[in-house]
Amino acid sequence: MISEERILSLFRSVKKPLAFMEVLSRLGLEKPESRQLKKLLRQLVKDGNIIRTRKGKYGLTEEMSLIKGIFEAHRDGYGFVIPEEPNTKDLFIPPRSTLGAMEGDRVIAR
């Protein structure tokens, strides 16, 4: 049985993004279990626990120099990401880089 915790544990141990087939292999799973793994990976991405890169690899946000937080918008178009991680500075986001984020959105930023 595959669990979200088992997947997260794998990413914590390898400390780098992995392609889907690498995740499948490293967890010792067979092809028939790939559908369940895809579903769990999508849920972990949706919850903000992992991220899917442009190259289609999966990894922990903290291993990719990314900040998870809440977007605070300013009326002039710019905003700030208020990090979930305590003792981390707010991140300024210029107007051209907000990508449609709205006040209160949960975001991941570099």
PDB file of N, CA and C in Angstrom:
ATOM      1  N   MET A   1       0.849  -1.195   0.000  1.00  0.00           N
ATOM      2  CA  MET A   1       0.000   0.000   0.000  1.00  0.00           C
ATOM      3  C   MET A   1       0.886   1.248   0.000  1.00  0.00           C
ATOM      4  N   ILE A   2       0.567   2.180  -0.852  1.00  0.00           N
ATOM      5  CA  ILE A   2       1.317   3.424  -0.959  1.00  0.00           C
ATOM      6  C   ILE A   2       0.636   4.464  -0.068  1.00  0.00           C
ATOM      7  N   SER A   3       1.440   5.239   0.651  1.00  0.00           N
ATOM      8  CA  SER A   3       0.879   6.313   1.467  1.00  0.00           C
ATOM      9  C   SER A   3       1.596   7.616   1.133  1.00  0.00           C
ATOM     10  N   GLU A   4       0.926   8.728   1.425  1.00  0.00           N
ATOM     11  CA  GLU A   4       1.548  10.033   1.213  1.00  0.00           C
ATOM     12  C   GLU A   4       2.825  10.142   2.036  1.00  0.00           C
ATOM     13  N   GLU A   5       2.807   9.633   3.257  1.00  0.00           N
ATOM     14  CA  GLU A   5       3.986   9.720   4.130  1.00  0.00           C
ATOM     15  C   GLU A   5       5.160   8.944   3.547  1.00  0.00           C
ATOM     16  N   ARG A   6       4.878   7.802   2.959  1.00  0.00           N
ATOM     17  CA  ARG A   6       5.953   7.003   2.345  1.00  0.00           C
ATOM     18  C   ARG A   6       6.586   7.768   1.174  1.00  0.00           C
ATOM     19  N   ILE A   7       5.761   8.440   0.390  1.00  0.00           N
ATOM     20  CA  ILE A   7       6.257   9.235  -0.733  1.00  0.00           C
ATOM     21  C   ILE A   7       7.088  10.409  -0.223  1.00  0.00           C
ATOM     22  N   LEU A   8       6.576  11.122   0.778  1.00  0.00           N
ATOM     23  CA  LEU A   8       7.315  12.257   1.345  1.00  0.00           C
ATOM     24  C   LEU A   8       8.637  11.804   1.946  1.00  0.00           C
ATOM     25  N   SER A   9       8.637  10.667   2.590  1.00  0.00           N
ATOM     26  CA  SER A   9       9.857  10.109   3.168  1.00  0.00           C
ATOM     27  C   SER A   9      10.900   9.844   2.078  1.00  0.00           C
ATOM     28  N   LEU A  10      10.462   9.337   0.939  1.00  0.00           N
ATOM     29  CA  LEU A  10      11.373   9.115  -0.185  1.00  0.00           C
ATOM     30  C   LEU A  10      12.010  10.425  -0.618  1.00  0.00           C
ATOM     31  N   PHE A  11      11.201  11.460  -0.807  1.00  0.00           N
ATOM     32  CA  PHE A  11      11.739  12.751  -1.250  1.00  0.00           C
ATOM     33  C   PHE A  11      12.686  13.357  -0.213  1.00  0.00           C
ATOM     34  N   ARG A  12      12.384  13.164   1.069  1.00  0.00           N
ATOM     35  CA  ARG A  12      13.291  13.672   2.115  1.00  0.00           C
ATOM     36  C   ARG A  12      14.641  12.970   2.051  1.00  0.00           C
ATOM     37  N   SER A  13      14.642  11.697   1.706  1.00  0.00           N
ATOM     38  CA  SER A  13      15.892  10.934   1.695  1.00  0.00           C
ATOM     39  C   SER A  13      16.738  11.199   0.449  1.00  0.00           C
ATOM     40  N   VAL A  14      16.119  11.435  -0.696  1.00  0.00           N
ATOM     41  CA  VAL A  14      16.904  11.646  -1.921  1.00  0.00           C
ATOM     42  C   VAL A  14      17.314  13.099  -2.122  1.00  0.00           C
ATOM     43  N   LYS A  15      16.552  14.032  -1.563  1.00  0.00           N
ATOM     44  CA  LYS A  15      16.869  15.460  -1.599  1.00  0.00           C
ATOM     45  C   LYS A  15      17.053  16.030  -3.001  1.00  0.00           C
ATOM     46  N   LYS A  16      16.333  15.469  -3.974  1.00  0.00           N
ATOM     47  CA  LYS A  16      16.358  16.023  -5.330  1.00  0.00           C
ATOM     48  C   LYS A  16      15.061  15.647  -6.031  1.00  0.00           C
ATOM     49  N   PRO A  17      14.681  16.412  -7.059  1.00  0.00           N
ATOM     50  CA  PRO A  17      13.471  16.074  -7.806  1.00  0.00           C
ATOM     51  C   PRO A  17      13.629  14.752  -8.549  1.00  0.00           C
ATOM     52  N   LEU A  18      12.536  14.007  -8.642  1.00  0.00           N
ATOM     53  CA  LEU A  18      12.533  12.713  -9.318  1.00  0.00           C
ATOM     54  C   LEU A  18      11.418  12.660 -10.360  1.00  0.00           C
ATOM     55  N   ALA A  19      11.705  11.999 -11.476  1.00  0.00           N
ATOM     56  CA  ALA A  19      10.680  11.747 -12.488  1.00  0.00           C
ATOM     57  C   ALA A  19       9.709  10.699 -11.950  1.00  0.00           C
ATOM     58  N   PHE A  20       8.522  10.652 -12.533  1.00  0.00           N
ATOM     59  CA  PHE A  20       7.500   9.715 -12.075  1.00  0.00           C
ATOM     60  C   PHE A  20       8.018   8.281 -12.040  1.00  0.00           C
ATOM     61  N   MET A  21       8.679   7.846 -13.107  1.00  0.00           N
ATOM     62  CA  MET A  21       9.169   6.465 -13.171  1.00  0.00           C
ATOM     63  C   MET A  21      10.237   6.197 -12.107  1.00  0.00           C
ATOM     64  N   GLU A  22      11.029   7.228 -11.763  1.00  0.00           N
ATOM     65  CA  GLU A  22      12.020   7.072 -10.689  1.00  0.00           C
ATOM     66  C   GLU A  22      11.324   6.860  -9.348  1.00  0.00           C
ATOM     67  N   VAL A  23      10.257   7.614  -9.114  1.00  0.00           N
ATOM     68  CA  VAL A  23       9.495   7.467  -7.869  1.00  0.00           C
ATOM     69  C   VAL A  23       8.911   6.058  -7.802  1.00  0.00           C
ATOM     70  N   LEU A  24       8.316   5.623  -8.892  1.00  0.00           N
ATOM     71  CA  LEU A  24       7.729   4.283  -8.967  1.00  0.00           C
ATOM     72  C   LEU A  24       8.778   3.220  -8.640  1.00  0.00           C
ATOM     73  N   SER A  25       9.944   3.342  -9.250  1.00  0.00           N
ATOM     74  CA  SER A  25      11.026   2.372  -9.059  1.00  0.00           C
ATOM     75  C   SER A  25      11.589   2.403  -7.639  1.00  0.00           C
ATOM     76  N   ARG A  26      11.878   3.599  -7.135  1.00  0.00           N
ATOM     77  CA  ARG A  26      12.487   3.715  -5.803  1.00  0.00           C
ATOM     78  C   ARG A  26      11.552   3.248  -4.693  1.00  0.00           C
ATOM     79  N   LEU A  27      10.255   3.329  -4.940  1.00  0.00           N
ATOM     80  CA  LEU A  27       9.294   2.826  -3.953  1.00  0.00           C
ATOM     81  C   LEU A  27       9.059   1.325  -4.115  1.00  0.00           C
ATOM     82  N   GLY A  28       9.689   0.746  -5.125  1.00  0.00           N
ATOM     83  CA  GLY A  28       9.549  -0.690  -5.358  1.00  0.00           C
ATOM     84  C   GLY A  28       8.163  -1.085  -5.828  1.00  0.00           C
ATOM     85  N   LEU A  29       7.528  -0.191  -6.584  1.00  0.00           N
ATOM     86  CA  LEU A  29       6.165  -0.439  -7.040  1.00  0.00           C
ATOM     87  C   LEU A  29       6.157  -1.013  -8.448  1.00  0.00           C
ATOM     88  N   GLU A  30       5.081  -1.695  -8.767  1.00  0.00           N
ATOM     89  CA  GLU A  30       4.889  -2.282 -10.094  1.00  0.00           C
ATOM     90  C   GLU A  30       3.966  -1.381 -10.919  1.00  0.00           C
ATOM     91  N   LYS A  31       3.957  -1.589 -12.209  1.00  0.00           N
ATOM     92  CA  LYS A  31       3.119  -0.806 -13.128  1.00  0.00           C
ATOM     93  C   LYS A  31       1.655  -0.695 -12.688  1.00  0.00           C
ATOM     94  N   PRO A  32       1.019  -1.795 -12.222  1.00  0.00           N
ATOM     95  CA  PRO A  32      -0.394  -1.683 -11.828  1.00  0.00           C
ATOM     96  C   PRO A  32      -0.642  -0.657 -10.711  1.00  0.00           C
ATOM     97  N   GLU A  33       0.378  -0.346  -9.934  1.00  0.00           N
ATOM     98  CA  GLU A  33       0.218   0.613  -8.832  1.00  0.00           C
ATOM     99  C   GLU A  33       0.467   2.050  -9.279  1.00  0.00           C
ATOM    100  N   SER A  34       0.817   2.241 -10.552  1.00  0.00           N
ATOM    101  CA  SER A  34       1.161   3.580 -11.030  1.00  0.00           C
ATOM    102  C   SER A  34      -0.021   4.544 -10.981  1.00  0.00           C
ATOM    103  N   ARG A  35      -1.224   4.048 -11.215  1.00  0.00           N
ATOM    104  CA  ARG A  35      -2.408   4.921 -11.176  1.00  0.00           C
ATOM    105  C   ARG A  35      -2.600   5.508  -9.772  1.00  0.00           C
ATOM    106  N   GLN A  36      -2.454   4.669  -8.745  1.00  0.00           N
ATOM    107  CA  GLN A  36      -2.606   5.142  -7.368  1.00  0.00           C
ATOM    108  C   GLN A  36      -1.491   6.131  -7.023  1.00  0.00           C
ATOM    109  N   LEU A  37      -0.269   5.845  -7.482  1.00  0.00           N
ATOM    110  CA  LEU A  37       0.851   6.750  -7.224  1.00  0.00           C
ATOM    111  C   LEU A  37       0.600   8.107  -7.867  1.00  0.00           C
ATOM    112  N   LYS A  38       0.135   8.120  -9.111  1.00  0.00           N
ATOM    113  CA  LYS A  38      -0.162   9.389  -9.791  1.00  0.00           C
ATOM    114  C   LYS A  38      -1.193  10.190  -9.009  1.00  0.00           C
ATOM    115  N   LYS A  39      -2.219   9.512  -8.529  1.00  0.00           N
ATOM    116  CA  LYS A  39      -3.274  10.178  -7.755  1.00  0.00           C
ATOM    117  C   LYS A  39      -2.699  10.801  -6.480  1.00  0.00           C
ATOM    118  N   LEU A  40      -1.853  10.050  -5.775  1.00  0.00           N
ATOM    119  CA  LEU A  40      -1.251  10.567  -4.541  1.00  0.00           C
ATOM    120  C   LEU A  40      -0.300  11.724  -4.829  1.00  0.00           C
ATOM    121  N   LEU A  41       0.480  11.634  -5.902  1.00  0.00           N
ATOM    122  CA  LEU A  41       1.383  12.733  -6.264  1.00  0.00           C
ATOM    123  C   LEU A  41       0.589  13.994  -6.590  1.00  0.00           C
ATOM    124  N   ARG A  42      -0.501  13.849  -7.340  1.00  0.00           N
ATOM    125  CA  ARG A  42      -1.344  15.013  -7.654  1.00  0.00           C
ATOM    126  C   ARG A  42      -1.893  15.651  -6.383  1.00  0.00           C
ATOM    127  N   GLN A  43      -2.315  14.824  -5.425  1.00  0.00           N
ATOM    128  CA  GLN A  43      -2.850  15.351  -4.170  1.00  0.00           C
ATOM    129  C   GLN A  43      -1.767  16.071  -3.371  1.00  0.00           C
ATOM    130  N   LEU A  44      -0.557  15.506  -3.337  1.00  0.00           N
ATOM    131  CA  LEU A  44       0.554  16.143  -2.622  1.00  0.00           C
ATOM    132  C   LEU A  44       0.917  17.482  -3.259  1.00  0.00           C
ATOM    133  N   VAL A  45       0.846  17.565  -4.588  1.00  0.00           N
ATOM    134  CA  VAL A  45       1.098  18.832  -5.281  1.00  0.00           C
ATOM    135  C   VAL A  45      -0.001  19.827  -4.932  1.00  0.00           C
ATOM    136  N   LYS A  46      -1.240  19.387  -4.998  1.00  0.00           N
ATOM    137  CA  LYS A  46      -2.386  20.255  -4.689  1.00  0.00           C
ATOM    138  C   LYS A  46      -2.302  20.804  -3.266  1.00  0.00           C
ATOM    139  N   ASP A  47      -1.868  19.962  -2.330  1.00  0.00           N
ATOM    140  CA  ASP A  47      -1.752  20.371  -0.927  1.00  0.00           C
ATOM    141  C   ASP A  47      -0.515  21.222  -0.661  1.00  0.00           C
ATOM    142  N   GLY A  48       0.381  21.343  -1.656  1.00  0.00           N
ATOM    143  CA  GLY A  48       1.588  22.147  -1.489  1.00  0.00           C
ATOM    144  C   GLY A  48       2.720  21.426  -0.781  1.00  0.00           C
ATOM    145  N   ASN A  49       2.616  20.114  -0.613  1.00  0.00           N
ATOM    146  CA  ASN A  49       3.681  19.355   0.049  1.00  0.00           C
ATOM    147  C   ASN A  49       4.857  19.083  -0.874  1.00  0.00           C
ATOM    148  N   ILE A  50       4.559  18.921  -2.161  1.00  0.00           N
ATOM    149  CA  ILE A  50       5.607  18.754  -3.166  1.00  0.00           C
ATOM    150  C   ILE A  50       5.255  19.645  -4.348  1.00  0.00           C
ATOM    151  N   ILE A  51       6.187  19.772  -5.261  1.00  0.00           N
ATOM    152  CA  ILE A  51       5.951  20.567  -6.459  1.00  0.00           C
ATOM    153  C   ILE A  51       6.325  19.741  -7.672  1.00  0.00           C
ATOM    154  N   ARG A  52       5.663  20.007  -8.783  1.00  0.00           N
ATOM    155  CA  ARG A  52       6.003  19.371 -10.057  1.00  0.00           C
ATOM    156  C   ARG A  52       6.715  20.425 -10.885  1.00  0.00           C
ATOM    157  N   THR A  53       7.938  20.126 -11.300  1.00  0.00           N
ATOM    158  CA  THR A  53       8.742  21.088 -12.052  1.00  0.00           C
ATOM    159  C   THR A  53       8.277  21.169 -13.502  1.00  0.00           C
ATOM    160  N   ARG A  54       8.822  22.139 -14.219  1.00  0.00           N
ATOM    161  CA  ARG A  54       8.507  22.282 -15.644  1.00  0.00           C
ATOM    162  C   ARG A  54       8.927  21.052 -16.431  1.00  0.00           C
ATOM    163  N   LYS A  55       9.935  20.359 -15.938  1.00  0.00           N
ATOM    164  CA  LYS A  55      10.422  19.154 -16.614  1.00  0.00           C
ATOM    165  C   LYS A  55       9.651  17.906 -16.189  1.00  0.00           C
ATOM    166  N   GLY A  56       8.603  18.090 -15.374  1.00  0.00           N
ATOM    167  CA  GLY A  56       7.758  16.974 -14.980  1.00  0.00           C
ATOM    168  C   GLY A  56       8.284  16.159 -13.814  1.00  0.00           C
ATOM    169  N   LYS A  57       9.298  16.676 -13.115  1.00  0.00           N
ATOM    170  CA  LYS A  57       9.827  15.958 -11.955  1.00  0.00           C
ATOM    171  C   LYS A  57       9.134  16.457 -10.694  1.00  0.00           C
ATOM    172  N   TYR A  58       9.154  15.621  -9.670  1.00  0.00           N
ATOM    173  CA  TYR A  58       8.514  15.943  -8.397  1.00  0.00           C
ATOM    174  C   TYR A  58       9.574  16.081  -7.315  1.00  0.00           C
ATOM    175  N   GLY A  59       9.355  17.008  -6.384  1.00  0.00           N
ATOM    176  CA  GLY A  59      10.281  17.166  -5.272  1.00  0.00           C
ATOM    177  C   GLY A  59       9.691  18.036  -4.181  1.00  0.00           C
ATOM    178  N   LEU A  60      10.382  18.060  -3.050  1.00  0.00           N
ATOM    179  CA  LEU A  60       9.955  18.881  -1.917  1.00  0.00           C
ATOM    180  C   LEU A  60      10.253  20.345  -2.197  1.00  0.00           C
ATOM    181  N   THR A  61       9.345  21.220  -1.815  1.00  0.00           N
ATOM    182  CA  THR A  61       9.555  22.644  -2.049  1.00  0.00           C
ATOM    183  C   THR A  61      10.810  23.147  -1.354  1.00  0.00           C
ATOM    184  N   GLU A  62      11.073  22.665  -0.141  1.00  0.00           N
ATOM    185  CA  GLU A  62      12.241  23.147   0.600  1.00  0.00           C
ATOM    186  C   GLU A  62      13.563  22.719  -0.028  1.00  0.00           C
ATOM    187  N   GLU A  63      13.549  21.677  -0.841  1.00  0.00           N
ATOM    188  CA  GLU A  63      14.762  21.217  -1.519  1.00  0.00           C
ATOM    189  C   GLU A  63      15.005  21.987  -2.815  1.00  0.00           C
ATOM    190  N   MET A  64      14.056  22.824  -3.206  1.00  0.00           N
ATOM    191  CA  MET A  64      14.180  23.562  -4.460  1.00  0.00           C
ATOM    192  C   MET A  64      14.239  25.068  -4.241  1.00  0.00           C
ATOM    193  N   SER A  65      14.617  25.498  -3.067  1.00  0.00           N
ATOM    194  CA  SER A  65      14.728  26.923  -2.741  1.00  0.00           C
ATOM    195  C   SER A  65      13.432  27.680  -3.034  1.00  0.00           C
ATOM    196  N   LEU A  66      12.315  27.087  -2.686  1.00  0.00           N
ATOM    197  CA  LEU A  66      11.015  27.708  -2.895  1.00  0.00           C
ATOM    198  C   LEU A  66      10.404  28.076  -1.551  1.00  0.00           C
ATOM    199  N   ILE A  67       9.545  29.076  -1.588  1.00  0.00           N
ATOM    200  CA  ILE A  67       8.888  29.543  -0.369  1.00  0.00           C
ATOM    201  C   ILE A  67       7.386  29.315  -0.508  1.00  0.00           C
ATOM    202  N   LYS A  68       6.794  28.651   0.480  1.00  0.00           N
ATOM    203  CA  LYS A  68       5.339  28.477   0.533  1.00  0.00           C
ATOM    204  C   LYS A  68       4.786  29.552   1.452  1.00  0.00           C
ATOM    205  N   GLY A  69       3.681  30.161   1.042  1.00  0.00           N
ATOM    206  CA  GLY A  69       3.085  31.165   1.899  1.00  0.00           C
ATOM    207  C   GLY A  69       1.773  31.691   1.347  1.00  0.00           C
ATOM    208  N   ILE A  70       1.317  32.772   1.949  1.00  0.00           N
ATOM    209  CA  ILE A  70       0.066  33.420   1.568  1.00  0.00           C
ATOM    210  C   ILE A  70       0.396  34.717   0.836  1.00  0.00           C
ATOM    211  N   PHE A  71      -0.273  34.930  -0.298  1.00  0.00           N
ATOM    212  CA  PHE A  71      -0.039  36.132  -1.095  1.00  0.00           C
ATOM    213  C   PHE A  71      -0.858  37.288  -0.544  1.00  0.00           C
ATOM    214  N   GLU A  72      -0.185  38.416  -0.322  1.00  0.00           N
ATOM    215  CA  GLU A  72      -0.864  39.650   0.085  1.00  0.00           C
ATOM    216  C   GLU A  72      -0.703  40.648  -1.044  1.00  0.00           C
ATOM    217  N   ALA A  73      -1.814  41.029  -1.648  1.00  0.00           N
ATOM    218  CA  ALA A  73      -1.802  41.920  -2.800  1.00  0.00           C
ATOM    219  C   ALA A  73      -1.857  43.383  -2.373  1.00  0.00           C
ATOM    220  N   HIS A  74      -1.242  44.237  -3.184  1.00  0.00           N
ATOM    221  CA  HIS A  74      -1.314  45.680  -3.000  1.00  0.00           C
ATOM    222  C   HIS A  74      -2.111  46.252  -4.165  1.00  0.00           C
ATOM    223  N   ARG A  75      -2.818  47.326  -3.934  1.00  0.00           N
ATOM    224  CA  ARG A  75      -3.674  47.893  -4.986  1.00  0.00           C
ATOM    225  C   ARG A  75      -2.892  48.358  -6.216  1.00  0.00           C
ATOM    226  N   ASP A  76      -1.584  48.600  -6.073  1.00  0.00           N
ATOM    227  CA  ASP A  76      -0.761  49.033  -7.210  1.00  0.00           C
ATOM    228  C   ASP A  76      -0.256  47.865  -8.051  1.00  0.00           C
ATOM    229  N   GLY A  77      -0.684  46.640  -7.736  1.00  0.00           N
ATOM    230  CA  GLY A  77      -0.356  45.495  -8.573  1.00  0.00           C
ATOM    231  C   GLY A  77       0.713  44.567  -8.037  1.00  0.00           C
ATOM    232  N   TYR A  78       1.568  45.060  -7.169  1.00  0.00           N
ATOM    233  CA  TYR A  78       2.605  44.193  -6.595  1.00  0.00           C
ATOM    234  C   TYR A  78       2.043  43.483  -5.373  1.00  0.00           C
ATOM    235  N   GLY A  79       2.841  42.628  -4.778  1.00  0.00           N
ATOM    236  CA  GLY A  79       2.390  41.938  -3.582  1.00  0.00           C
ATOM    237  C   GLY A  79       3.546  41.341  -2.814  1.00  0.00           C
ATOM    238  N   PHE A  80       3.227  40.606  -1.787  1.00  0.00           N
ATOM    239  CA  PHE A  80       4.223  39.941  -0.949  1.00  0.00           C
ATOM    240  C   PHE A  80       3.754  38.521  -0.656  1.00  0.00           C
ATOM    241  N   VAL A  81       4.708  37.609  -0.576  1.00  0.00           N
ATOM    242  CA  VAL A  81       4.414  36.270  -0.082  1.00  0.00           C
ATOM    243  C   VAL A  81       4.808  36.267   1.385  1.00  0.00           C
ATOM    244  N   ILE A  82       3.862  35.969   2.250  1.00  0.00           N
ATOM    245  CA  ILE A  82       4.110  35.866   3.682  1.00  0.00           C
ATOM    246  C   ILE A  82       4.383  34.386   3.960  1.00  0.00           C
ATOM    247  N   PRO A  83       5.650  34.035   4.223  1.00  0.00           N
ATOM    248  CA  PRO A  83       6.029  32.620   4.344  1.00  0.00           C
ATOM    249  C   PRO A  83       5.357  31.897   5.506  1.00  0.00           C
ATOM    250  N   GLU A  84       5.072  30.604   5.280  1.00  0.00           N
ATOM    251  CA  GLU A  84       4.547  29.745   6.344  1.00  0.00           C
ATOM    252  C   GLU A  84       5.639  29.465   7.368  1.00  0.00           C
ATOM    253  N   GLU A  85       6.870  29.407   6.901  1.00  0.00           N
ATOM    254  CA  GLU A  85       8.028  29.096   7.738  1.00  0.00           C
ATOM    255  C   GLU A  85       8.313  30.286   8.653  1.00  0.00           C
ATOM    256  N   PRO A  86       8.328  30.087   9.984  1.00  0.00           N
ATOM    257  CA  PRO A  86       8.615  31.200  10.893  1.00  0.00           C
ATOM    258  C   PRO A  86      10.036  31.733  10.684  1.00  0.00           C
ATOM    259  N   ASN A  87      10.234  32.973  11.024  1.00  0.00           N
ATOM    260  CA  ASN A  87      11.542  33.637  10.928  1.00  0.00           C
ATOM    261  C   ASN A  87      12.078  33.704   9.505  1.00  0.00           C
ATOM    262  N   THR A  88      11.183  33.741   8.527  1.00  0.00           N
ATOM    263  CA  THR A  88      11.568  33.900   7.128  1.00  0.00           C
ATOM    264  C   THR A  88      11.002  35.229   6.651  1.00  0.00           C
ATOM    265  N   LYS A  89      11.829  35.999   5.943  1.00  0.00           N
ATOM    266  CA  LYS A  89      11.403  37.316   5.474  1.00  0.00           C
ATOM    267  C   LYS A  89      10.329  37.198   4.398  1.00  0.00           C
ATOM    268  N   ASP A  90       9.443  38.208   4.373  1.00  0.00           N
ATOM    269  CA  ASP A  90       8.439  38.289   3.320  1.00  0.00           C
ATOM    270  C   ASP A  90       9.150  38.452   1.979  1.00  0.00           C
ATOM    271  N   LEU A  91       8.533  37.947   0.929  1.00  0.00           N
ATOM    272  CA  LEU A  91       9.119  38.008  -0.402  1.00  0.00           C
ATOM    273  C   LEU A  91       8.322  38.978  -1.264  1.00  0.00           C
ATOM    274  N   PHE A  92       9.006  40.012  -1.794  1.00  0.00           N
ATOM    275  CA  PHE A  92       8.365  40.993  -2.668  1.00  0.00           C
ATOM    276  C   PHE A  92       8.115  40.376  -4.036  1.00  0.00           C
ATOM    277  N   ILE A  93       6.916  40.596  -4.577  1.00  0.00           N
ATOM    278  CA  ILE A  93       6.557  40.106  -5.906  1.00  0.00           C
ATOM    279  C   ILE A  93       6.164  41.316  -6.759  1.00  0.00           C
ATOM    280  N   PRO A  94       6.966  41.643  -7.788  1.00  0.00           N
ATOM    281  CA  PRO A  94       6.629  42.789  -8.641  1.00  0.00           C
ATOM    282  C   PRO A  94       5.355  42.524  -9.448  1.00  0.00           C
ATOM    283  N   PRO A  95       4.700  43.588  -9.929  1.00  0.00           N
ATOM    284  CA  PRO A  95       3.420  43.432 -10.634  1.00  0.00           C
ATOM    285  C   PRO A  95       3.459  42.433 -11.792  1.00  0.00           C
ATOM    286  N   ARG A  96       4.516  42.407 -12.560  1.00  0.00           N
ATOM    287  CA  ARG A  96       4.589  41.524 -13.734  1.00  0.00           C
ATOM    288  C   ARG A  96       4.780  40.054 -13.352  1.00  0.00           C
ATOM    289  N   SER A  97       5.047  39.790 -12.070  1.00  0.00           N
ATOM    290  CA  SER A  97       5.330  38.419 -11.629  1.00  0.00           C
ATOM    291  C   SER A  97       4.251  37.810 -10.738  1.00  0.00           C
ATOM    292  N   THR A  98       3.135  38.503 -10.559  1.00  0.00           N
ATOM    293  CA  THR A  98       2.091  37.966  -9.671  1.00  0.00           C
ATOM    294  C   THR A  98       1.314  36.820 -10.313  1.00  0.00           C
ATOM    295  N   LEU A  99       1.349  36.730 -11.638  1.00  0.00           N
ATOM    296  CA  LEU A  99       0.706  35.630 -12.376  1.00  0.00           C
ATOM    297  C   LEU A  99      -0.753  35.408 -11.974  1.00  0.00           C
ATOM    298  N   GLY A 100      -1.439  36.500 -11.689  1.00  0.00           N
ATOM    299  CA  GLY A 100      -2.860  36.400 -11.372  1.00  0.00           C
ATOM    300  C   GLY A 100      -3.177  36.016  -9.938  1.00  0.00           C
ATOM    301  N   ALA A 101      -2.163  35.960  -9.081  1.00  0.00           N
ATOM    302  CA  ALA A 101      -2.415  35.618  -7.675  1.00  0.00           C
ATOM    303  C   ALA A 101      -3.316  36.678  -7.050  1.00  0.00           C
ATOM    304  N   MET A 102      -4.216  36.225  -6.206  1.00  0.00           N
ATOM    305  CA  MET A 102      -5.163  37.115  -5.540  1.00  0.00           C
ATOM    306  C   MET A 102      -4.886  37.136  -4.043  1.00  0.00           C
ATOM    307  N   GLU A 103      -5.362  38.157  -3.398  1.00  0.00           N
ATOM    308  CA  GLU A 103      -5.224  38.300  -1.949  1.00  0.00           C
ATOM    309  C   GLU A 103      -5.660  37.018  -1.246  1.00  0.00           C
ATOM    310  N   GLY A 104      -4.774  36.489  -0.399  1.00  0.00           N
ATOM    311  CA  GLY A 104      -5.106  35.311   0.385  1.00  0.00           C
ATOM    312  C   GLY A 104      -4.802  33.980  -0.283  1.00  0.00           C
ATOM    313  N   ASP A 105      -4.360  34.011  -1.545  1.00  0.00           N
ATOM    314  CA  ASP A 105      -4.010  32.758  -2.228  1.00  0.00           C
ATOM    315  C   ASP A 105      -2.811  32.105  -1.557  1.00  0.00           C
ATOM    316  N   ARG A 106      -2.845  30.787  -1.497  1.00  0.00           N
ATOM    317  CA  ARG A 106      -1.695  30.012  -1.020  1.00  0.00           C
ATOM    318  C   ARG A 106      -0.796  29.806  -2.229  1.00  0.00           C
ATOM    319  N   VAL A 107       0.463  30.259  -2.137  1.00  0.00           N
ATOM    320  CA  VAL A 107       1.354  30.242  -3.297  1.00  0.00           C
ATOM    321  C   VAL A 107       2.700  29.614  -2.959  1.00  0.00           C
ATOM    322  N   ILE A 108       3.427  29.292  -4.021  1.00  0.00           N
ATOM    323  CA  ILE A 108       4.805  28.835  -3.910  1.00  0.00           C
ATOM    324  C   ILE A 108       5.615  29.742  -4.811  1.00  0.00           C
ATOM    325  N   ALA A 109       6.676  30.337  -4.280  1.00  0.00           N
ATOM    326  CA  ALA A 109       7.472  31.303  -5.044  1.00  0.00           C
ATOM    327  C   ALA A 109       8.960  31.021  -4.885  1.00  0.00           C
ATOM    328  N   ARG A 110       9.727  31.528  -5.848  1.00  0.00           N
ATOM    329  CA  ARG A 110      11.186  31.384  -5.825  1.00  0.00           C
ATOM    330  C   ARG A 110      11.788  32.725  -5.467  1.00  0.00           C
TER     331      ARG A 110
END
